[in-house]
C-alpha atoms as a PDB file:
ATOM      1  CA  MET A   1     -27.076  22.543 -11.589  1.00  0.00           C
ATOM      2  CA  HIS A   2     -26.440  18.827 -12.295  1.00  0.00           C
ATOM      3  CA  SER A   3     -24.106  16.988  -9.861  1.00  0.00           C
ATOM      4  CA  ARG A   4     -21.391  14.883 -11.635  1.00  0.00           C
ATOM      5  CA  LYS A   5     -19.147  12.131 -10.297  1.00  0.00           C
ATOM      6  CA  TYR A   6     -15.759  11.191 -12.178  1.00  0.00           C
ATOM      7  CA  THR A   7     -14.666   7.722 -11.988  1.00  0.00           C
ATOM      8  CA  TYR A   8     -11.234   6.877 -13.275  1.00  0.00           C
ATOM      9  CA  CYS A   9     -10.767   3.229 -14.108  1.00  0.00           C
ATOM     10  CA  LEU A  10      -7.511   1.322 -14.878  1.00  0.00           C
ATOM     11  CA  ILE A  11      -7.322  -0.122 -18.322  1.00  0.00           C
ATOM     12  CA  CYS A  12      -4.665  -2.635 -19.651  1.00  0.00           C
ATOM     13  CA  GLU A  13      -3.599  -3.197 -23.305  1.00  0.00           C
ATOM     14  CA  LYS A  14      -0.994  -4.994 -25.173  1.00  0.00           C
ATOM     15  CA  THR A  15       1.282  -2.773 -27.038  1.00  0.00           C
ATOM     16  CA  SER A  16       3.564  -3.978 -29.866  1.00  0.00           C
ATOM     17  CA  LEU A  17       7.110  -3.115 -29.697  1.00  0.00           C
ATOM     18  CA  ASN A  18       8.022  -4.676 -33.025  1.00  0.00           C
ATOM     19  CA  ASP A  19       6.715  -7.508 -35.229  1.00  0.00           C
ATOM     20  CA  LYS A  20       7.473 -10.148 -32.456  1.00  0.00           C
ATOM     21  CA  ASP A  21       7.297  -8.535 -29.117  1.00  0.00           C
ATOM     22  CA  THR A  22       4.552  -6.905 -27.077  1.00  0.00           C
ATOM     23  CA  VAL A  23       4.338  -5.265 -23.722  1.00  0.00           C
ATOM     24  CA  GLN A  24       1.583  -4.808 -21.212  1.00  0.00           C
ATOM     25  CA  THR A  25       0.760  -1.098 -20.749  1.00  0.00           C
ATOM     26  CA  TYR A  26      -1.779   0.593 -18.475  1.00  0.00           C
ATOM     27  CA  GLY A  27      -3.858   3.639 -18.819  1.00  0.00           C
ATOM     28  CA  LEU A  28      -6.893   5.195 -17.437  1.00  0.00           C
ATOM     29  CA  LEU A  29     -10.563   5.570 -18.656  1.00  0.00           C
ATOM     30  CA  LEU A  30     -12.672   8.380 -17.300  1.00  0.00           C
ATOM     31  CA  ARG A  31     -16.271   7.747 -16.706  1.00  0.00           C
ATOM     32  CA  VAL A  32     -18.662  10.576 -15.869  1.00  0.00           C
ATOM     33  CA  GLN A  33     -21.898   9.946 -13.892  1.00  0.00           C
ATOM     34  CA  THR A  34     -24.551  12.456 -13.918  1.00  0.00           C
ATOM     35  CA  VAL A  35     -28.266  12.194 -13.014  1.00  0.00           C
ATOM     36  CA  LEU A  36     -29.058  11.373 -16.636  1.00  0.00           C
ATOM     37  CA  GLY A  37     -26.671   8.294 -16.719  1.00  0.00           C
ATOM     38  CA  SER A  38     -23.082   7.414 -17.232  1.00  0.00           C
ATOM     39  CA  PHE A  39     -20.829   7.881 -20.042  1.00  0.00           C
ATOM     40  CA  THR A  40     -17.232   7.624 -21.067  1.00  0.00           C
ATOM     41  CA  GLU A  41     -15.582  11.025 -21.323  1.00  0.00           C
ATOM     42  CA  LYS A  42     -11.852  10.517 -21.922  1.00  0.00           C
ATOM     43  CA  LYS A  43      -9.299   7.772 -22.275  1.00  0.00           C
ATOM     44  CA  ILE A  44      -5.359   7.791 -22.050  1.00  0.00           C
ATOM     45  CA  CYS A  45      -3.606   4.820 -23.050  1.00  0.00           C
ATOM     46  CA  ASP A  46      -0.134   3.638 -22.439  1.00  0.00           C
ATOM     47  CA  ILE A  47       0.566   5.739 -19.584  1.00  0.00           C
ATOM     48  CA  SER A  48       3.183   3.253 -18.082  1.00  0.00           C
ATOM     49  CA  THR A  49       4.282  -0.206 -17.936  1.00  0.00           C
ATOM     50  CA  HIS A  50       3.957   0.015 -14.268  1.00  0.00           C
ATOM     51  CA  LYS A  51       0.517  -1.386 -13.083  1.00  0.00           C
ATOM     52  CA  GLU A  52       1.102   0.090  -9.588  1.00  0.00           C
ATOM     53  CA  PHE A  53       2.193   3.628 -10.664  1.00  0.00           C
ATOM     54  CA  VAL A  54      -1.056   3.914 -12.744  1.00  0.00           C
ATOM     55  CA  GLU A  55      -3.138   2.621  -9.843  1.00  0.00           C
ATOM     56  CA  TYR A  56      -1.648   5.225  -7.743  1.00  0.00           C
ATOM     57  CA  ILE A  57      -2.502   7.776 -10.153  1.00  0.00           C
ATOM     58  CA  ARG A  58      -6.083   6.666 -10.484  1.00  0.00           C
ATOM     59  CA  GLN A  59      -6.719   6.729  -6.753  1.00  0.00           C
ATOM     60  CA  ARG A  60      -5.621  10.181  -6.629  1.00  0.00           C
ATOM     61  CA  LEU A  61      -7.685  11.347  -9.484  1.00  0.00           C
ATOM     62  CA  ASN A  62     -10.608   9.581  -7.907  1.00  0.00           C
ATOM     63  CA  GLN A  63      -9.930  10.837  -4.478  1.00  0.00           C
ATOM     64  CA  TYR A  64      -9.771  14.566  -5.455  1.00  0.00           C
ATOM     65  CA  GLN A  65     -12.533  14.066  -8.237  1.00  0.00           C
ATOM     66  CA  ALA A  66     -10.244  15.822 -10.821  1.00  0.00           C
ATOM     67  CA  GLU A  67     -12.226  17.524 -13.627  1.00  0.00           C
ATOM     68  CA  PRO A  68     -11.876  15.928 -17.058  1.00  0.00           C
ATOM     69  CA  ILE A  69     -10.350  19.211 -18.641  1.00  0.00           C
ATOM     70  CA  HIS A  70      -7.309  18.589 -16.274  1.00  0.00           C
ATOM     71  CA  PHE A  71      -6.995  14.927 -17.017  1.00  0.00           C
ATOM     72  CA  PRO A  72      -4.354  15.240 -19.740  1.00  0.00           C
ATOM     73  CA  CYS A  73      -2.283  17.739 -17.736  1.00  0.00           C
ATOM     74  CA  LEU A  74      -2.347  15.834 -14.674  1.00  0.00           C
ATOM     75  CA  ILE A  75      -1.270  12.744 -16.363  1.00  0.00           C
ATOM     76  CA  GLU A  76       1.848  14.677 -17.623  1.00  0.00           C
ATOM     77  CA  ASP A  77       2.448  15.975 -14.170  1.00  0.00           C
ATOM     78  CA  PHE A  78       2.290  12.449 -12.681  1.00  0.00           C
ATOM     79  CA  LEU A  79       4.580  11.204 -15.554  1.00  0.00           C
ATOM     80  CA  ALA A  80       7.277  13.819 -14.657  1.00  0.00           C
ATOM     81  CA  GLN A  81       7.440  12.197 -11.389  1.00  0.00           C
ATOM     82  CA  GLU A  82       7.428   8.563 -12.261  1.00  0.00           C
ATOM     83  CA  TRP A  83      11.122   7.925 -11.746  1.00  0.00           C
ATOM     84  CA  ASP A  84      11.223   9.357  -8.371  1.00  0.00           C
ATOM     85  CA  TRP A  85       7.884   7.444  -7.471  1.00  0.00           C
ATOM     86  CA  LEU A  86       9.620   4.074  -8.697  1.00  0.00           C
ATOM     87  CA  GLN A  87      12.705   4.909  -6.684  1.00  0.00           C
ATOM     88  CA  GLU A  88      10.795   5.739  -3.477  1.00  0.00           C
ATOM     89  CA  LYS A  89       8.719   2.526  -4.009  1.00  0.00           C
ATOM     90  CA  SER A  90      11.841   0.328  -4.427  1.00  0.00           C
ATOM     91  CA  GLU A  91      13.607   1.841  -1.293  1.00  0.00           C
ATOM     92  CA  GLN A  92      10.407   1.091   0.729  1.00  0.00           C
ATOM     93  CA  ARG A  93      10.876  -2.736   0.056  1.00  0.00           C
END
């Protein structure tokens, strides 16, 4: 049985809103490391415009070594909580 390590990495992209305006968005890239090497498994772009929120997701996915098959569903679950997370962060400041 091969051991695998999952590393979720923050990615940043500029997304066009229209012909003139762009916005910075953040997503995650999943890299899988095995005894045979490292490769990119999945990438989800444009998760949020809030870098700190996507960084929070990245930390949790790395901490719990979330399996690649669950990656899209976990992102949806986190996004369902984004507003509450942002409110909580603003109250802490």
